Structures are given as C-alpha cells and as structure tokens.
Amino acid sequence: GKEIKRSAPPMEVEAIPLKGVPKHYGVG
C-alpha cells in the first residue's frame, strides 16, 4: 500500500526512422 512515484527529467531521445515507411518514426 505504499505510494510510489519515480520520474526522470526530460531528455532528448533518438527517433528511429521506420524502414520502408517514410515519415514514420519509432520512439522507445
């Protein structure tokens, strides 16, 4: 029952272009 909160500050990440799908990118 303990409240949990974990966060990270904003960070720049790489948007991976999806092969064969122009203008579509994956972020994860």
PDB file of all heavy atoms in Angstrom:
ATOM      1  N   GLY A   1       0.792  -1.225   0.000  1.00  0.00           N
ATOM      2  CA  GLY A   1       0.000   0.000   0.000  1.00  0.00           C
ATOM      3  C   GLY A   1       0.821   1.270   0.000  1.00  0.00           C
ATOM      4  O   GLY A   1       0.263   2.367   0.106  1.00  0.00           O
ATOM      5  N   LYS A   2       2.119   1.161  -0.135  1.00  0.00           N
ATOM      6  CA  LYS A   2       2.980   2.335  -0.128  1.00  0.00           C
ATOM      7  C   LYS A   2       2.910   3.056  -1.472  1.00  0.00           C
ATOM      8  O   LYS A   2       3.020   2.451  -2.525  1.00  0.00           O
ATOM      9  CB  LYS A   2       4.422   1.928   0.171  1.00  0.00           C
ATOM     10  CG  LYS A   2       5.389   3.101   0.258  1.00  0.00           C
ATOM     11  CD  LYS A   2       6.807   2.617   0.535  1.00  0.00           C
ATOM     12  CE  LYS A   2       7.785   3.792   0.564  1.00  0.00           C
ATOM     13  NZ  LYS A   2       9.170   3.335   0.833  1.00  0.00           N
ATOM     14  N   GLU A   3       2.706   4.381  -1.419  1.00  0.00           N
ATOM     15  CA  GLU A   3       2.665   5.184  -2.638  1.00  0.00           C
ATOM     16  C   GLU A   3       4.064   5.244  -3.266  1.00  0.00           C
ATOM     17  O   GLU A   3       5.056   5.486  -2.588  1.00  0.00           O
ATOM     18  CB  GLU A   3       2.201   6.606  -2.326  1.00  0.00           C
ATOM     19  CG  GLU A   3       0.765   6.687  -1.807  1.00  0.00           C
ATOM     20  CD  GLU A   3      -0.251   6.615  -2.932  1.00  0.00           C
ATOM     21  OE1 GLU A   3       0.169   6.660  -4.108  1.00  0.00           O
ATOM     22  OE2 GLU A   3      -1.453   6.508  -2.635  1.00  0.00           O
ATOM     23  N   ILE A   4       4.091   5.026  -4.587  1.00  0.00           N
ATOM     24  CA  ILE A   4       5.350   5.028  -5.327  1.00  0.00           C
ATOM     25  C   ILE A   4       5.277   6.093  -6.423  1.00  0.00           C
ATOM     26  O   ILE A   4       4.277   6.195  -7.136  1.00  0.00           O
ATOM     27  CB  ILE A   4       5.642   3.660  -5.966  1.00  0.00           C
ATOM     28  CG1 ILE A   4       5.655   2.558  -4.898  1.00  0.00           C
ATOM     29  CG2 ILE A   4       6.945   3.693  -6.748  1.00  0.00           C
ATOM     30  CD1 ILE A   4       6.770   2.683  -3.893  1.00  0.00           C
ATOM     31  N   LYS A   5       6.323   6.879  -6.535  1.00  0.00           N
ATOM     32  CA  LYS A   5       6.418   7.835  -7.633  1.00  0.00           C
ATOM     33  C   LYS A   5       7.885   7.966  -8.031  1.00  0.00           C
ATOM     34  O   LYS A   5       8.723   8.359  -7.224  1.00  0.00           O
ATOM     35  CB  LYS A   5       5.865   9.204  -7.245  1.00  0.00           C
ATOM     36  CG  LYS A   5       5.903  10.213  -8.396  1.00  0.00           C
ATOM     37  CD  LYS A   5       5.273  11.539  -8.010  1.00  0.00           C
ATOM     38  CE  LYS A   5       5.309  12.519  -9.159  1.00  0.00           C
ATOM     39  NZ  LYS A   5       4.688  13.822  -8.815  1.00  0.00           N
ATOM     40  N   ARG A   6       8.154   7.623  -9.268  1.00  0.00           N
ATOM     41  CA  ARG A   6       9.501   7.745  -9.797  1.00  0.00           C
ATOM     42  C   ARG A   6       9.426   8.486 -11.127  1.00  0.00           C
ATOM     43  O   ARG A   6       8.558   8.191 -11.955  1.00  0.00           O
ATOM     44  CB  ARG A   6      10.147   6.376 -10.004  1.00  0.00           C
ATOM     45  CG  ARG A   6      10.317   5.579  -8.722  1.00  0.00           C
ATOM     46  CD  ARG A   6      11.054   4.284  -8.982  1.00  0.00           C
ATOM     47  NE  ARG A   6      11.183   3.489  -7.780  1.00  0.00           N
ATOM     48  CZ  ARG A   6      11.819   2.323  -7.707  1.00  0.00           C
ATOM     49  NH1 ARG A   6      12.385   1.832  -8.822  1.00  0.00           N
ATOM     50  NH2 ARG A   6      11.890   1.649  -6.582  1.00  0.00           N
ATOM     51  N   SER A   7      10.300   9.433 -11.319  1.00  0.00           N
ATOM     52  CA  SER A   7      10.256  10.229 -12.541  1.00  0.00           C
ATOM     53  C   SER A   7      11.672  10.548 -13.013  1.00  0.00           C
ATOM     54  O   SER A   7      12.628  10.477 -12.241  1.00  0.00           O
ATOM     55  CB  SER A   7       9.474  11.522 -12.320  1.00  0.00           C
ATOM     56  OG  SER A   7      10.088  12.319 -11.330  1.00  0.00           O
ATOM     57  N   ALA A   8      11.768  10.900 -14.268  1.00  0.00           N
ATOM     58  CA  ALA A   8      13.040  11.302 -14.867  1.00  0.00           C
ATOM     59  C   ALA A   8      12.822  12.629 -15.576  1.00  0.00           C
ATOM     60  O   ALA A   8      11.758  12.871 -16.153  1.00  0.00           O
ATOM     61  CB  ALA A   8      13.526  10.251 -15.852  1.00  0.00           C
ATOM     62  N   PRO A   9      13.799  13.518 -15.546  1.00  0.00           N
ATOM     63  CA  PRO A   9      13.651  14.806 -16.239  1.00  0.00           C
ATOM     64  C   PRO A   9      13.584  14.596 -17.734  1.00  0.00           C
ATOM     65  O   PRO A   9      14.005  13.551 -18.247  1.00  0.00           O
ATOM     66  CB  PRO A   9      14.907  15.572 -15.820  1.00  0.00           C
ATOM     67  CG  PRO A   9      15.904  14.511 -15.508  1.00  0.00           C
ATOM     68  CD  PRO A   9      15.121  13.378 -14.918  1.00  0.00           C
ATOM     69  N   PRO A  10      13.056  15.570 -18.481  1.00  0.00           N
ATOM     70  CA  PRO A  10      13.007  15.440 -19.943  1.00  0.00           C
ATOM     71  C   PRO A  10      14.404  15.204 -20.513  1.00  0.00           C
ATOM     72  O   PRO A  10      15.375  15.816 -20.079  1.00  0.00           O
ATOM     73  CB  PRO A  10      12.442  16.790 -20.403  1.00  0.00           C
ATOM     74  CG  PRO A  10      11.701  17.312 -19.214  1.00  0.00           C
ATOM     75  CD  PRO A  10      12.456  16.832 -18.018  1.00  0.00           C
ATOM     76  N   MET A  11      14.479  14.299 -21.461  1.00  0.00           N
ATOM     77  CA  MET A  11      15.753  14.003 -22.114  1.00  0.00           C
ATOM     78  C   MET A  11      15.537  13.848 -23.611  1.00  0.00           C
ATOM     79  O   MET A  11      14.459  13.422 -24.041  1.00  0.00           O
ATOM     80  CB  MET A  11      16.365  12.726 -21.535  1.00  0.00           C
ATOM     81  CG  MET A  11      15.550  11.476 -21.800  1.00  0.00           C
ATOM     82  SD  MET A  11      16.226  10.015 -20.973  1.00  0.00           S
ATOM     83  CE  MET A  11      15.740  10.364 -19.282  1.00  0.00           C
ATOM     84  N   GLU A  12      16.553  14.228 -24.367  1.00  0.00           N
ATOM     85  CA  GLU A  12      16.452  14.065 -25.818  1.00  0.00           C
ATOM     86  C   GLU A  12      16.707  12.622 -26.170  1.00  0.00           C
ATOM     87  O   GLU A  12      17.655  11.995 -25.680  1.00  0.00           O
ATOM     88  CB  GLU A  12      17.452  14.982 -26.525  1.00  0.00           C
ATOM     89  CG  GLU A  12      17.269  15.024 -28.034  1.00  0.00           C
ATOM     90  CD  GLU A  12      18.002  16.176 -28.690  1.00  0.00           C
ATOM     91  OE1 GLU A  12      17.906  17.308 -28.173  1.00  0.00           O
ATOM     92  OE2 GLU A  12      18.666  15.927 -29.710  1.00  0.00           O
ATOM     93  N   VAL A  13      15.833  12.059 -27.035  1.00  0.00           N
ATOM     94  CA  VAL A  13      15.959  10.664 -27.430  1.00  0.00           C
ATOM     95  C   VAL A  13      15.998  10.586 -28.954  1.00  0.00           C
ATOM     96  O   VAL A  13      15.587  11.512 -29.663  1.00  0.00           O
ATOM     97  CB  VAL A  13      14.792   9.810 -26.900  1.00  0.00           C
ATOM     98  CG1 VAL A  13      14.747   9.841 -25.384  1.00  0.00           C
ATOM     99  CG2 VAL A  13      13.466  10.273 -27.488  1.00  0.00           C
ATOM    100  N   GLU A  14      16.490   9.478 -29.448  1.00  0.00           N
ATOM    101  CA  GLU A  14      16.577   9.279 -30.892  1.00  0.00           C
ATOM    102  C   GLU A  14      15.246   8.766 -31.426  1.00  0.00           C
ATOM    103  O   GLU A  14      14.661   7.825 -30.880  1.00  0.00           O
ATOM    104  CB  GLU A  14      17.681   8.287 -31.225  1.00  0.00           C
ATOM    105  CG  GLU A  14      17.899   8.084 -32.710  1.00  0.00           C
ATOM    106  CD  GLU A  14      19.028   7.121 -33.016  1.00  0.00           C
ATOM    107  OE1 GLU A  14      19.539   6.493 -32.060  1.00  0.00           O
ATOM    108  OE2 GLU A  14      19.391   6.990 -34.202  1.00  0.00           O
ATOM    109  N   ALA A  15      14.762   9.394 -32.470  1.00  0.00           N
ATOM    110  CA  ALA A  15      13.590   8.899 -33.191  1.00  0.00           C
ATOM    111  C   ALA A  15      14.095   8.072 -34.369  1.00  0.00           C
ATOM    112  O   ALA A  15      14.732   8.598 -35.278  1.00  0.00           O
ATOM    113  CB  ALA A  15      12.714  10.052 -33.659  1.00  0.00           C
ATOM    114  N   ILE A  16      13.830   6.776 -34.354  1.00  0.00           N
ATOM    115  CA  ILE A  16      14.366   5.871 -35.356  1.00  0.00           C
ATOM    116  C   ILE A  16      13.451   5.858 -36.583  1.00  0.00           C
ATOM    117  O   ILE A  16      12.262   5.558 -36.466  1.00  0.00           O
ATOM    118  CB  ILE A  16      14.485   4.442 -34.801  1.00  0.00           C
ATOM    119  CG1 ILE A  16      15.307   4.433 -33.502  1.00  0.00           C
ATOM    120  CG2 ILE A  16      15.104   3.520 -35.838  1.00  0.00           C
ATOM    121  CD1 ILE A  16      16.727   4.865 -33.683  1.00  0.00           C
ATOM    122  N   PRO A  17      13.968   6.202 -37.781  1.00  0.00           N
ATOM    123  CA  PRO A  17      13.122   6.107 -38.977  1.00  0.00           C
ATOM    124  C   PRO A  17      12.739   4.657 -39.236  1.00  0.00           C
ATOM    125  O   PRO A  17      13.581   3.759 -39.184  1.00  0.00           O
ATOM    126  CB  PRO A  17      14.012   6.673 -40.095  1.00  0.00           C
ATOM    127  CG  PRO A  17      15.404   6.566 -39.580  1.00  0.00           C
ATOM    128  CD  PRO A  17      15.334   6.672 -38.092  1.00  0.00           C
ATOM    129  N   LEU A  18      11.451   4.410 -39.491  1.00  0.00           N
ATOM    130  CA  LEU A  18      10.973   3.054 -39.710  1.00  0.00           C
ATOM    131  C   LEU A  18      11.214   2.666 -41.162  1.00  0.00           C
ATOM    132  O   LEU A  18      10.705   3.314 -42.081  1.00  0.00           O
ATOM    133  CB  LEU A  18       9.490   2.952 -39.353  1.00  0.00           C
ATOM    134  CG  LEU A  18       9.155   3.302 -37.898  1.00  0.00           C
ATOM    135  CD1 LEU A  18       7.671   3.116 -37.624  1.00  0.00           C
ATOM    136  CD2 LEU A  18       9.982   2.451 -36.928  1.00  0.00           C
ATOM    137  N   LYS A  19      11.991   1.639 -41.363  1.00  0.00           N
ATOM    138  CA  LYS A  19      12.394   1.214 -42.694  1.00  0.00           C
ATOM    139  C   LYS A  19      11.182   0.881 -43.551  1.00  0.00           C
ATOM    140  O   LYS A  19      10.308   0.112 -43.139  1.00  0.00           O
ATOM    141  CB  LYS A  19      13.314  -0.011 -42.583  1.00  0.00           C
ATOM    142  CG  LYS A  19      13.908  -0.454 -43.902  1.00  0.00           C
ATOM    143  CD  LYS A  19      14.849  -1.622 -43.699  1.00  0.00           C
ATOM    144  CE  LYS A  19      15.471  -2.074 -45.014  1.00  0.00           C
ATOM    145  NZ  LYS A  19      16.380  -3.229 -44.816  1.00  0.00           N
ATOM    146  N   GLY A  20      11.126   1.480 -44.732  1.00  0.00           N
ATOM    147  CA  GLY A  20      10.027   1.210 -45.657  1.00  0.00           C
ATOM    148  C   GLY A  20       8.765   1.985 -45.378  1.00  0.00           C
ATOM    149  O   GLY A  20       7.777   1.826 -46.094  1.00  0.00           O
ATOM    150  N   VAL A  21       8.776   2.836 -44.351  1.00  0.00           N
ATOM    151  CA  VAL A  21       7.579   3.607 -44.010  1.00  0.00           C
ATOM    152  C   VAL A  21       7.989   5.073 -43.895  1.00  0.00           C
ATOM    153  O   VAL A  21       8.286   5.564 -42.800  1.00  0.00           O
ATOM    154  CB  VAL A  21       6.935   3.122 -42.684  1.00  0.00           C
ATOM    155  CG1 VAL A  21       5.499   3.647 -42.566  1.00  0.00           C
ATOM    156  CG2 VAL A  21       6.957   1.610 -42.589  1.00  0.00           C
ATOM    157  N   PRO A  22       8.046   5.801 -45.009  1.00  0.00           N
ATOM    158  CA  PRO A  22       8.532   7.186 -44.971  1.00  0.00           C
ATOM    159  C   PRO A  22       7.753   8.052 -43.998  1.00  0.00           C
ATOM    160  O   PRO A  22       6.532   7.932 -43.853  1.00  0.00           O
ATOM    161  CB  PRO A  22       8.319   7.666 -46.416  1.00  0.00           C
ATOM    162  CG  PRO A  22       8.269   6.423 -47.235  1.00  0.00           C
ATOM    163  CD  PRO A  22       7.659   5.374 -46.356  1.00  0.00           C
ATOM    164  N   LYS A  23       8.474   8.916 -43.292  1.00  0.00           N
ATOM    165  CA  LYS A  23       7.924   9.883 -42.343  1.00  0.00           C
ATOM    166  C   LYS A  23       7.303   9.237 -41.110  1.00  0.00           C
ATOM    167  O   LYS A  23       6.594   9.889 -40.359  1.00  0.00           O
ATOM    168  CB  LYS A  23       6.899  10.796 -43.029  1.00  0.00           C
ATOM    169  CG  LYS A  23       7.490  11.627 -44.163  1.00  0.00           C
ATOM    170  CD  LYS A  23       6.456  12.553 -44.766  1.00  0.00           C
ATOM    171  CE  LYS A  23       7.064  13.384 -45.888  1.00  0.00           C
ATOM    172  NZ  LYS A  23       6.091  14.315 -46.491  1.00  0.00           N
ATOM    173  N   HIS A  24       7.567   7.943 -40.896  1.00  0.00           N
ATOM    174  CA  HIS A  24       7.148   7.264 -39.675  1.00  0.00           C
ATOM    175  C   HIS A  24       8.406   6.953 -38.859  1.00  0.00           C
ATOM    176  O   HIS A  24       9.400   6.472 -39.399  1.00  0.00           O
ATOM    177  CB  HIS A  24       6.411   5.964 -39.980  1.00  0.00           C
ATOM    178  CG  HIS A  24       5.045   6.169 -40.560  1.00  0.00           C
ATOM    179  ND1 HIS A  24       3.975   5.360 -40.259  1.00  0.00           N
ATOM    180  CD2 HIS A  24       4.559   7.101 -41.422  1.00  0.00           C
ATOM    181  CE1 HIS A  24       2.909   5.765 -40.916  1.00  0.00           C
ATOM    182  NE2 HIS A  24       3.251   6.829 -41.634  1.00  0.00           N
ATOM    183  N   TYR A  25       8.335   7.213 -37.557  1.00  0.00           N
ATOM    184  CA  TYR A  25       9.481   7.021 -36.680  1.00  0.00           C
ATOM    185  C   TYR A  25       9.046   6.259 -35.425  1.00  0.00           C
ATOM    186  O   TYR A  25       7.889   6.336 -35.009  1.00  0.00           O
ATOM    187  CB  TYR A  25      10.085   8.368 -36.258  1.00  0.00           C
ATOM    188  CG  TYR A  25      10.677   9.175 -37.384  1.00  0.00           C
ATOM    189  CD1 TYR A  25       9.875   9.910 -38.245  1.00  0.00           C
ATOM    190  CD2 TYR A  25      12.051   9.198 -37.600  1.00  0.00           C
ATOM    191  CE1 TYR A  25      10.423  10.646 -39.300  1.00  0.00           C
ATOM    192  CE2 TYR A  25      12.607   9.937 -38.635  1.00  0.00           C
ATOM    193  CZ  TYR A  25      11.786  10.658 -39.481  1.00  0.00           C
ATOM    194  OH  TYR A  25      12.323  11.382 -40.504  1.00  0.00           O
ATOM    195  N   GLY A  26       9.984   5.541 -34.861  1.00  0.00           N
ATOM    196  CA  GLY A  26       9.723   4.853 -33.613  1.00  0.00           C
ATOM    197  C   GLY A  26      10.486   5.492 -32.464  1.00  0.00           C
ATOM    198  O   GLY A  26      11.654   5.862 -32.608  1.00  0.00           O
ATOM    199  N   VAL A  27       9.813   5.650 -31.331  1.00  0.00           N
ATOM    200  CA  VAL A  27      10.439   6.155 -30.116  1.00  0.00           C
ATOM    201  C   VAL A  27      10.184   5.133 -29.020  1.00  0.00           C
ATOM    202  O   VAL A  27       9.032   4.731 -28.786  1.00  0.00           O
ATOM    203  CB  VAL A  27       9.858   7.524 -29.705  1.00  0.00           C
ATOM    204  CG1 VAL A  27      10.380   7.937 -28.336  1.00  0.00           C
ATOM    205  CG2 VAL A  27      10.210   8.577 -30.745  1.00  0.00           C
ATOM    206  N   GLY A  28      11.238   4.703 -28.355  1.00  0.00           N
ATOM    207  CA  GLY A  28      11.042   3.718 -27.300  1.00  0.00           C
ATOM    208  C   GLY A  28      12.334   3.387 -26.586  1.00  0.00           C
ATOM    209  O   GLY A  28      13.426   3.695 -27.064  1.00  0.00           O
TER     210      GLY A  28
END
